[in-house]
Every structure is written in C-alpha cells, then in structure tokens.
Amino acid sequence: MSIWWSLHLRREAASVPLARRLLLGTMETAGVDPDICYDLSVALSEACANAVEHGGDAATEDYRVTAFIDGDTCRIEVTDSGPGFRRPQTSAPPHPPTDRAPVPAAVPTPTQAPAYAEDGRGLFLIEALTDHVRYRNRTGRRGAVVSFDKILKWREGAALPMAS
C-alpha cells in the first residue's frame, strides 16, 4: 500500500506547523517509528520555512508540499514559485541586473554553514536527517524544488506494512 498527499499553502509562517502536523499525523497513523517521524518533521519544517522566506515575491503567495510513502520509503517535495537556484558562475556577470526581481539563490553545496551563521543551516539539517536530497529548478516555470527521501522503520504491529 502507498499513501500520498499534497498541500497548497500560503507563504506565511503559520503554514509551517500545519504541514508538519499533517505529516506527523499521517506517519504516526501509518505506524512509522517515532524517531523517523521526528527526523522527517524537522526536515519538512526547514524546507517549508525556506519556501516561506525565499520562495517568491509579493505576487507569489503560495507553495506546495507533496509527501509520498511507498513501501519503506518516504519522499517529500517542497515546491515554490520564487527565483529558483542559480548555477554557480566562474566570473561576474557582464552587466549588473537592472530590474528589482528577486535574485536566485546559489545551488546549495555540501559545505557546512559557519557555526556563527544565523541563516543557512536549514538545508544542512535536511541533508543530515534524510537519506537523499535533491535541489532543482522547476521545469519551464519559476521556482525551486527541494525533495528528500528517508527509508522508513516501522513500529511493531504497524498498519501500513501489513496492508501490502
């Protein structure tokens, strides 16, 4: 058996705990181990917080969270409508930008954020708490997609693995 759900959320701070609670409720009901539930809820909270903070301008008011549980794997995707990730440049652009459009964030790298940094730890937490992370831009549209996978462990007598 598999489970999936998708939410369209407003880009506001109150949406982050809503997404986290829905994920936790689904995982707990399915019988996922509490430690795995916790890791995924923290990773989802960080991805949603990034979408809220960096996922667009005043004209883009929402973002999407999709979660899939298929067999022993959970995949979560958080998609926004912001500027997306920019590819690293080897030299400065020839002309500075002339409009006020948001500047895309750099594609995340596996180096660690400095201990004193106030920002930049969320992506590192996602990488530390999950098994596989992907960062990409949306195809044919503005926006970024952060997706991550986690191998699930089940509580004794869990409902979902028995339904397979």
N, C-alpha and C. Protein backbone atom coordinates (compact mmCIF):
# COMPACT_ATOMS: atom_id res chain seq x y z
N MET A 1 0.85 -1.18 0.00
CA MET A 1 0.00 0.00 0.00
C MET A 1 0.89 1.24 0.00
N SER A 2 0.40 2.28 -0.61
CA SER A 2 1.12 3.55 -0.58
C SER A 2 0.15 4.66 -0.21
N ILE A 3 0.72 5.76 0.27
CA ILE A 3 -0.05 6.94 0.67
C ILE A 3 0.63 8.14 0.04
N TRP A 4 -0.15 9.10 -0.44
CA TRP A 4 0.42 10.38 -0.84
C TRP A 4 -0.59 11.48 -0.56
N TRP A 5 -0.08 12.65 -0.33
CA TRP A 5 -0.92 13.84 -0.16
C TRP A 5 -0.16 15.05 -0.64
N SER A 6 -0.92 16.07 -1.01
CA SER A 6 -0.33 17.30 -1.50
C SER A 6 -1.10 18.48 -0.93
N LEU A 7 -0.39 19.50 -0.53
CA LEU A 7 -0.98 20.72 0.02
C LEU A 7 -0.51 21.93 -0.76
N HIS A 8 -1.40 22.86 -0.98
CA HIS A 8 -1.03 24.20 -1.44
C HIS A 8 -1.17 25.10 -0.22
N LEU A 9 -0.08 25.74 0.16
CA LEU A 9 -0.06 26.55 1.38
C LEU A 9 0.31 27.98 1.07
N ARG A 10 -0.21 28.90 1.87
CA ARG A 10 0.17 30.31 1.75
C ARG A 10 1.59 30.47 2.27
N ARG A 11 2.33 31.37 1.65
CA ARG A 11 3.69 31.66 2.09
C ARG A 11 3.65 32.54 3.34
N GLU A 12 3.27 31.92 4.44
CA GLU A 12 3.27 32.62 5.72
C GLU A 12 3.71 31.62 6.79
N ALA A 13 4.28 32.14 7.84
CA ALA A 13 4.89 31.30 8.87
C ALA A 13 3.92 30.28 9.47
N ALA A 14 2.64 30.63 9.57
CA ALA A 14 1.66 29.72 10.17
C ALA A 14 1.47 28.44 9.37
N SER A 15 1.88 28.42 8.10
CA SER A 15 1.72 27.22 7.28
C SER A 15 2.72 26.13 7.64
N VAL A 16 3.85 26.49 8.21
CA VAL A 16 4.90 25.52 8.51
C VAL A 16 4.43 24.49 9.54
N PRO A 17 3.90 24.89 10.71
CA PRO A 17 3.43 23.86 11.66
C PRO A 17 2.24 23.07 11.12
N LEU A 18 1.43 23.66 10.27
CA LEU A 18 0.32 22.93 9.67
C LEU A 18 0.84 21.75 8.84
N ALA A 19 1.81 22.00 7.97
CA ALA A 19 2.39 20.93 7.15
C ALA A 19 3.06 19.89 8.04
N ARG A 20 3.79 20.33 9.05
CA ARG A 20 4.48 19.41 9.96
C ARG A 20 3.48 18.51 10.68
N ARG A 21 2.38 19.09 11.19
CA ARG A 21 1.38 18.30 11.93
C ARG A 21 0.69 17.29 11.02
N LEU A 22 0.40 17.66 9.79
CA LEU A 22 -0.22 16.72 8.85
C LEU A 22 0.72 15.55 8.58
N LEU A 23 1.99 15.85 8.36
CA LEU A 23 2.97 14.79 8.13
C LEU A 23 3.07 13.88 9.35
N LEU A 24 3.21 14.47 10.54
CA LEU A 24 3.33 13.65 11.75
C LEU A 24 2.10 12.78 11.97
N GLY A 25 0.90 13.33 11.76
CA GLY A 25 -0.32 12.55 11.92
C GLY A 25 -0.39 11.38 10.96
N THR A 26 -0.01 11.63 9.71
CA THR A 26 0.00 10.56 8.71
C THR A 26 0.99 9.48 9.08
N MET A 27 2.20 9.88 9.44
CA MET A 27 3.25 8.91 9.78
C MET A 27 2.90 8.11 11.03
N GLU A 28 2.41 8.78 12.05
CA GLU A 28 2.04 8.08 13.28
C GLU A 28 0.91 7.10 13.04
N THR A 29 -0.10 7.50 12.26
CA THR A 29 -1.23 6.62 11.95
C THR A 29 -0.77 5.41 11.14
N ALA A 30 0.17 5.61 10.23
CA ALA A 30 0.69 4.51 9.41
C ALA A 30 1.59 3.57 10.22
N GLY A 31 2.10 4.04 11.34
CA GLY A 31 2.95 3.19 12.18
C GLY A 31 4.44 3.38 11.99
N VAL A 32 4.84 4.54 11.50
CA VAL A 32 6.27 4.82 11.32
C VAL A 32 6.91 5.04 12.69
N ASP A 33 8.12 4.56 12.83
CA ASP A 33 8.90 4.72 14.05
C ASP A 33 8.97 6.20 14.46
N PRO A 34 8.78 6.51 15.75
CA PRO A 34 8.77 7.91 16.20
C PRO A 34 10.04 8.70 15.87
N ASP A 35 11.22 8.07 15.90
CA ASP A 35 12.45 8.78 15.57
C ASP A 35 12.48 9.20 14.10
N ILE A 36 11.98 8.34 13.24
CA ILE A 36 11.91 8.66 11.81
C ILE A 36 10.89 9.79 11.59
N CYS A 37 9.75 9.71 12.28
CA CYS A 37 8.74 10.78 12.21
C CYS A 37 9.35 12.11 12.58
N TYR A 38 10.12 12.12 13.66
CA TYR A 38 10.74 13.36 14.13
C TYR A 38 11.72 13.91 13.08
N ASP A 39 12.60 13.04 12.56
CA ASP A 39 13.57 13.49 11.56
C ASP A 39 12.88 14.11 10.35
N LEU A 40 11.85 13.43 9.85
CA LEU A 40 11.13 13.94 8.68
C LEU A 40 10.38 15.23 8.99
N SER A 41 9.84 15.35 10.20
CA SER A 41 9.11 16.57 10.53
C SER A 41 10.05 17.77 10.63
N VAL A 42 11.24 17.58 11.16
CA VAL A 42 12.22 18.68 11.21
C VAL A 42 12.67 19.05 9.80
N ALA A 43 12.97 18.04 8.97
CA ALA A 43 13.38 18.32 7.59
C ALA A 43 12.29 19.06 6.83
N LEU A 44 11.04 18.62 6.99
CA LEU A 44 9.93 19.29 6.31
C LEU A 44 9.78 20.73 6.82
N SER A 45 9.89 20.93 8.12
CA SER A 45 9.78 22.28 8.68
C SER A 45 10.83 23.21 8.08
N GLU A 46 12.05 22.72 7.94
CA GLU A 46 13.12 23.54 7.36
C GLU A 46 12.85 23.86 5.90
N ALA A 47 12.39 22.86 5.13
CA ALA A 47 12.10 23.10 3.71
C ALA A 47 10.94 24.09 3.55
N CYS A 48 9.91 23.95 4.38
CA CYS A 48 8.78 24.88 4.32
C CYS A 48 9.20 26.29 4.73
N ALA A 49 10.00 26.39 5.78
CA ALA A 49 10.47 27.71 6.22
C ALA A 49 11.27 28.39 5.11
N ASN A 50 12.07 27.62 4.37
CA ASN A 50 12.82 28.20 3.24
C ASN A 50 11.87 28.67 2.15
N ALA A 51 10.82 27.89 1.86
CA ALA A 51 9.85 28.30 0.84
C ALA A 51 9.13 29.57 1.26
N VAL A 52 8.79 29.67 2.54
CA VAL A 52 8.11 30.86 3.04
C VAL A 52 9.02 32.08 2.93
N GLU A 53 10.28 31.91 3.33
CA GLU A 53 11.20 33.05 3.35
C GLU A 53 11.74 33.42 1.98
N HIS A 54 12.07 32.42 1.16
CA HIS A 54 12.78 32.69 -0.10
C HIS A 54 11.98 32.33 -1.35
N GLY A 55 10.77 31.82 -1.20
CA GLY A 55 10.05 31.21 -2.31
C GLY A 55 9.26 32.12 -3.21
N GLY A 56 9.54 33.39 -3.23
CA GLY A 56 8.82 34.26 -4.16
C GLY A 56 8.85 35.70 -3.72
N ASP A 57 8.03 36.47 -4.40
CA ASP A 57 7.89 37.89 -4.08
C ASP A 57 6.44 38.14 -3.68
N ALA A 58 6.03 39.37 -3.63
CA ALA A 58 4.67 39.71 -3.20
C ALA A 58 3.61 39.09 -4.10
N ALA A 59 3.94 38.82 -5.35
CA ALA A 59 2.97 38.26 -6.30
C ALA A 59 2.81 36.75 -6.14
N THR A 60 3.77 36.08 -5.51
CA THR A 60 3.68 34.63 -5.33
C THR A 60 3.33 34.35 -3.89
N GLU A 61 2.11 33.94 -3.68
CA GLU A 61 1.60 33.80 -2.32
C GLU A 61 1.56 32.37 -1.80
N ASP A 62 1.95 31.39 -2.61
CA ASP A 62 1.80 30.02 -2.12
C ASP A 62 3.01 29.16 -2.48
N TYR A 63 3.01 27.97 -1.90
CA TYR A 63 3.99 26.94 -2.21
C TYR A 63 3.29 25.59 -2.02
N ARG A 64 3.92 24.53 -2.49
CA ARG A 64 3.29 23.22 -2.44
C ARG A 64 4.17 22.22 -1.71
N VAL A 65 3.53 21.37 -0.91
CA VAL A 65 4.20 20.26 -0.23
C VAL A 65 3.52 18.98 -0.69
N THR A 66 4.31 18.02 -1.13
CA THR A 66 3.79 16.71 -1.51
C THR A 66 4.59 15.65 -0.78
N ALA A 67 3.90 14.69 -0.20
CA ALA A 67 4.55 13.59 0.51
C ALA A 67 4.05 12.27 -0.06
N PHE A 68 4.99 11.34 -0.26
CA PHE A 68 4.69 10.01 -0.76
C PHE A 68 5.27 8.99 0.21
N ILE A 69 4.48 8.05 0.62
CA ILE A 69 5.00 6.88 1.32
C ILE A 69 4.73 5.71 0.38
N ASP A 70 5.79 5.08 -0.07
CA ASP A 70 5.66 3.94 -0.97
C ASP A 70 6.58 2.84 -0.47
N GLY A 71 5.99 1.78 0.05
CA GLY A 71 6.81 0.73 0.63
C GLY A 71 7.52 1.24 1.86
N ASP A 72 8.84 1.09 1.86
CA ASP A 72 9.63 1.52 3.01
C ASP A 72 10.33 2.85 2.80
N THR A 73 9.84 3.67 1.87
CA THR A 73 10.46 4.95 1.58
C THR A 73 9.42 6.07 1.64
N CYS A 74 9.84 7.19 2.20
CA CYS A 74 9.03 8.40 2.17
C CYS A 74 9.80 9.44 1.36
N ARG A 75 9.12 10.06 0.40
CA ARG A 75 9.70 11.17 -0.36
C ARG A 75 8.83 12.39 -0.11
N ILE A 76 9.48 13.50 0.17
CA ILE A 76 8.80 14.77 0.38
C ILE A 76 9.37 15.78 -0.60
N GLU A 77 8.47 16.53 -1.24
CA GLU A 77 8.89 17.60 -2.15
C GLU A 77 8.23 18.90 -1.72
N VAL A 78 9.03 19.96 -1.68
CA VAL A 78 8.53 21.30 -1.39
C VAL A 78 8.87 22.15 -2.61
N THR A 79 7.83 22.70 -3.24
CA THR A 79 7.97 23.44 -4.49
C THR A 79 7.49 24.87 -4.28
N ASP A 80 8.31 25.84 -4.68
CA ASP A 80 7.89 27.24 -4.56
C ASP A 80 7.88 27.90 -5.93
N SER A 81 7.51 29.17 -5.96
CA SER A 81 7.46 29.94 -7.20
C SER A 81 8.45 31.09 -7.19
N GLY A 82 9.49 30.95 -6.42
CA GLY A 82 10.48 32.01 -6.31
C GLY A 82 11.45 32.01 -7.47
N PRO A 83 12.59 32.67 -7.30
CA PRO A 83 13.55 32.79 -8.39
C PRO A 83 14.29 31.49 -8.70
N GLY A 84 14.18 30.49 -7.87
CA GLY A 84 14.89 29.23 -8.10
C GLY A 84 16.34 29.32 -7.68
N PHE A 85 17.10 28.30 -8.04
CA PHE A 85 18.53 28.25 -7.72
C PHE A 85 19.31 28.72 -8.94
N ARG A 86 20.33 29.52 -8.71
CA ARG A 86 21.19 29.93 -9.83
C ARG A 86 22.38 28.99 -9.88
N ARG A 87 22.87 28.79 -11.05
CA ARG A 87 24.06 27.96 -11.23
C ARG A 87 25.29 28.78 -10.84
N PRO A 88 26.28 28.13 -10.23
CA PRO A 88 27.49 28.88 -9.86
C PRO A 88 28.14 29.50 -11.09
N GLN A 89 28.64 30.71 -10.93
CA GLN A 89 29.32 31.40 -12.02
C GLN A 89 30.81 31.40 -11.75
N THR A 90 31.58 31.30 -12.83
CA THR A 90 33.03 31.35 -12.68
C THR A 90 33.54 32.78 -12.70
N SER A 91 32.73 33.69 -13.23
CA SER A 91 33.12 35.10 -13.25
C SER A 91 31.87 35.95 -13.02
N ALA A 92 32.08 37.21 -12.76
CA ALA A 92 30.96 38.11 -12.51
C ALA A 92 30.17 38.32 -13.79
N PRO A 93 28.85 38.57 -13.68
CA PRO A 93 28.07 38.85 -14.88
C PRO A 93 28.57 40.13 -15.55
N PRO A 94 28.44 40.24 -16.89
CA PRO A 94 28.97 41.41 -17.59
C PRO A 94 28.27 42.71 -17.21
N HIS A 95 26.99 42.65 -16.88
CA HIS A 95 26.25 43.85 -16.52
C HIS A 95 25.44 43.57 -15.27
N PRO A 96 25.38 44.51 -14.34
CA PRO A 96 24.55 44.28 -13.17
C PRO A 96 23.08 44.24 -13.57
N PRO A 97 22.26 43.50 -12.83
CA PRO A 97 20.84 43.44 -13.17
C PRO A 97 20.21 44.83 -13.04
N THR A 98 19.27 45.11 -13.94
CA THR A 98 18.65 46.43 -13.95
C THR A 98 17.26 46.44 -13.35
N ASP A 99 16.67 45.29 -13.11
CA ASP A 99 15.33 45.26 -12.53
C ASP A 99 15.41 44.87 -11.05
N ARG A 100 14.29 44.86 -10.39
CA ARG A 100 14.26 44.56 -8.97
C ARG A 100 13.74 43.15 -8.70
N ALA A 101 13.80 42.26 -9.67
CA ALA A 101 13.35 40.88 -9.49
C ALA A 101 14.23 40.19 -8.46
N PRO A 102 13.67 39.25 -7.70
CA PRO A 102 14.48 38.54 -6.72
C PRO A 102 15.64 37.82 -7.40
N VAL A 103 16.76 37.79 -6.73
CA VAL A 103 17.94 37.13 -7.26
C VAL A 103 17.89 35.67 -6.84
N PRO A 104 18.09 34.73 -7.78
CA PRO A 104 18.06 33.32 -7.41
C PRO A 104 19.15 33.00 -6.40
N ALA A 105 18.86 32.05 -5.53
CA ALA A 105 19.85 31.58 -4.56
C ALA A 105 20.82 30.66 -5.27
N ALA A 106 22.03 30.57 -4.75
CA ALA A 106 23.00 29.65 -5.31
C ALA A 106 22.54 28.22 -5.07
N VAL A 107 22.91 27.32 -5.98
CA VAL A 107 22.62 25.91 -5.76
C VAL A 107 23.38 25.50 -4.51
N PRO A 108 22.70 24.89 -3.54
CA PRO A 108 23.37 24.52 -2.29
C PRO A 108 24.55 23.59 -2.53
N THR A 109 25.56 23.77 -1.71
CA THR A 109 26.74 22.91 -1.77
C THR A 109 26.87 22.18 -0.45
N PRO A 110 27.58 21.06 -0.44
CA PRO A 110 27.65 20.27 0.78
C PRO A 110 28.55 20.83 1.86
N THR A 111 29.17 21.98 1.65
CA THR A 111 29.99 22.56 2.71
C THR A 111 29.10 23.02 3.86
N GLN A 112 29.63 23.04 5.03
CA GLN A 112 28.83 23.38 6.21
C GLN A 112 28.78 24.88 6.44
N ALA A 113 27.61 25.34 6.89
CA ALA A 113 27.45 26.75 7.24
C ALA A 113 28.32 27.05 8.45
N PRO A 114 28.87 28.25 8.53
CA PRO A 114 29.68 28.60 9.70
C PRO A 114 28.85 28.50 10.97
N ALA A 115 29.47 28.14 12.06
CA ALA A 115 28.78 27.96 13.33
C ALA A 115 28.08 29.24 13.79
N TYR A 116 28.60 30.38 13.42
CA TYR A 116 28.03 31.65 13.85
C TYR A 116 26.93 32.15 12.91
N ALA A 117 26.70 31.46 11.79
CA ALA A 117 25.72 31.92 10.80
C ALA A 117 24.31 31.88 11.38
N GLU A 118 23.52 32.91 11.11
CA GLU A 118 22.14 32.94 11.56
C GLU A 118 21.23 32.27 10.56
N ASP A 119 21.63 32.21 9.31
CA ASP A 119 20.87 31.57 8.25
C ASP A 119 21.73 30.48 7.62
N GLY A 120 21.10 29.64 6.84
CA GLY A 120 21.86 28.67 6.07
C GLY A 120 21.99 27.30 6.69
N ARG A 121 21.40 27.09 7.84
CA ARG A 121 21.52 25.78 8.48
C ARG A 121 20.41 24.83 8.07
N GLY A 122 19.30 25.34 7.56
CA GLY A 122 18.15 24.50 7.23
C GLY A 122 18.47 23.42 6.23
N LEU A 123 19.16 23.76 5.14
CA LEU A 123 19.49 22.77 4.13
C LEU A 123 20.45 21.71 4.68
N PHE A 124 21.33 22.13 5.58
CA PHE A 124 22.25 21.17 6.19
C PHE A 124 21.51 20.23 7.13
N LEU A 125 20.50 20.73 7.83
CA LEU A 125 19.68 19.86 8.67
C LEU A 125 18.92 18.85 7.81
N ILE A 126 18.36 19.31 6.70
CA ILE A 126 17.64 18.39 5.81
C ILE A 126 18.59 17.28 5.35
N GLU A 127 19.79 17.65 4.95
CA GLU A 127 20.76 16.65 4.49
C GLU A 127 21.16 15.70 5.61
N ALA A 128 21.28 16.20 6.83
CA ALA A 128 21.70 15.35 7.95
C ALA A 128 20.60 14.39 8.40
N LEU A 129 19.34 14.79 8.24
CA LEU A 129 18.23 14.00 8.78
C LEU A 129 17.59 13.06 7.76
N THR A 130 17.97 13.16 6.50
CA THR A 130 17.35 12.33 5.47
C THR A 130 18.42 11.54 4.73
N ASP A 131 17.98 10.63 3.86
CA ASP A 131 18.91 9.74 3.18
C ASP A 131 19.38 10.27 1.83
N HIS A 132 18.56 11.07 1.17
CA HIS A 132 18.93 11.58 -0.15
C HIS A 132 18.19 12.90 -0.38
N VAL A 133 18.92 13.93 -0.82
CA VAL A 133 18.34 15.26 -1.03
C VAL A 133 18.65 15.71 -2.46
N ARG A 134 17.68 16.34 -3.10
CA ARG A 134 17.85 16.90 -4.44
C ARG A 134 17.37 18.35 -4.44
N TYR A 135 18.13 19.21 -5.10
CA TYR A 135 17.75 20.61 -5.30
C TYR A 135 17.69 20.83 -6.80
N ARG A 136 16.60 21.41 -7.27
CA ARG A 136 16.50 21.69 -8.70
C ARG A 136 15.53 22.85 -8.91
N ASN A 137 15.59 23.39 -10.12
CA ASN A 137 14.63 24.41 -10.51
C ASN A 137 13.45 23.72 -11.17
N ARG A 138 12.29 24.34 -11.10
CA ARG A 138 11.12 23.82 -11.78
C ARG A 138 11.36 23.86 -13.29
N THR A 139 10.80 22.93 -14.00
CA THR A 139 10.95 22.86 -15.45
C THR A 139 9.94 23.79 -16.11
N GLY A 140 10.43 24.74 -16.88
CA GLY A 140 9.57 25.63 -17.64
C GLY A 140 8.85 26.69 -16.84
N ARG A 141 9.13 26.81 -15.56
CA ARG A 141 8.47 27.81 -14.71
C ARG A 141 9.46 28.30 -13.68
N ARG A 142 9.13 29.45 -13.09
CA ARG A 142 9.94 29.95 -11.98
C ARG A 142 9.74 29.05 -10.77
N GLY A 143 10.78 28.93 -9.98
CA GLY A 143 10.63 28.23 -8.72
C GLY A 143 11.68 27.16 -8.50
N ALA A 144 11.77 26.76 -7.25
CA ALA A 144 12.72 25.73 -6.83
C ALA A 144 11.96 24.54 -6.27
N VAL A 145 12.60 23.38 -6.35
CA VAL A 145 12.06 22.16 -5.76
C VAL A 145 13.14 21.57 -4.87
N VAL A 146 12.80 21.35 -3.61
CA VAL A 146 13.67 20.64 -2.68
C VAL A 146 12.95 19.34 -2.38
N SER A 147 13.59 18.21 -2.69
CA SER A 147 12.97 16.92 -2.40
C SER A 147 13.96 16.08 -1.61
N PHE A 148 13.42 15.26 -0.73
CA PHE A 148 14.28 14.40 0.08
C PHE A 148 13.56 13.10 0.38
N ASP A 149 14.38 12.04 0.53
CA ASP A 149 13.89 10.69 0.79
C ASP A 149 14.40 10.22 2.14
N LYS A 150 13.62 9.35 2.76
CA LYS A 150 14.03 8.73 4.01
C LYS A 150 13.52 7.30 4.01
N ILE A 151 14.40 6.37 4.33
CA ILE A 151 14.00 4.97 4.50
C ILE A 151 13.25 4.88 5.83
N LEU A 152 12.08 4.25 5.79
CA LEU A 152 11.23 4.18 6.98
C LEU A 152 11.52 2.94 7.81
N LYS A 153 11.34 3.11 9.10
CA LYS A 153 11.32 1.99 10.05
C LYS A 153 9.93 2.00 10.65
N TRP A 154 9.44 0.83 10.99
CA TRP A 154 8.05 0.70 11.44
C TRP A 154 7.99 0.27 12.89
N ARG A 155 6.96 0.75 13.57
CA ARG A 155 6.67 0.27 14.92
C ARG A 155 6.18 -1.18 14.82
N GLU A 156 6.32 -1.92 15.89
CA GLU A 156 5.79 -3.30 15.93
C GLU A 156 4.28 -3.27 15.71
N GLY A 157 3.78 -4.08 14.79
CA GLY A 157 2.34 -4.14 14.52
C GLY A 157 1.81 -2.97 13.72
N ALA A 158 2.68 -2.22 13.01
CA ALA A 158 2.26 -1.05 12.24
C ALA A 158 1.26 -1.45 11.15
N ALA A 159 0.29 -0.59 10.91
CA ALA A 159 -0.80 -0.88 9.97
C ALA A 159 -0.35 -0.90 8.51
N LEU A 160 0.44 0.06 8.08
CA LEU A 160 0.75 0.19 6.66
C LEU A 160 1.54 -0.98 6.10
N PRO A 161 2.64 -1.44 6.73
CA PRO A 161 3.37 -2.56 6.13
C PRO A 161 2.51 -3.83 6.03
N MET A 162 1.57 -4.01 6.96
CA MET A 162 0.72 -5.20 6.93
C MET A 162 -0.26 -5.16 5.78
N ALA A 163 -0.62 -3.97 5.32
CA ALA A 163 -1.61 -3.83 4.24
C ALA A 163 -1.00 -4.15 2.89
N SER A 164 0.31 -4.24 2.78
CA SER A 164 0.96 -4.50 1.49
C SER A 164 0.78 -5.93 1.05
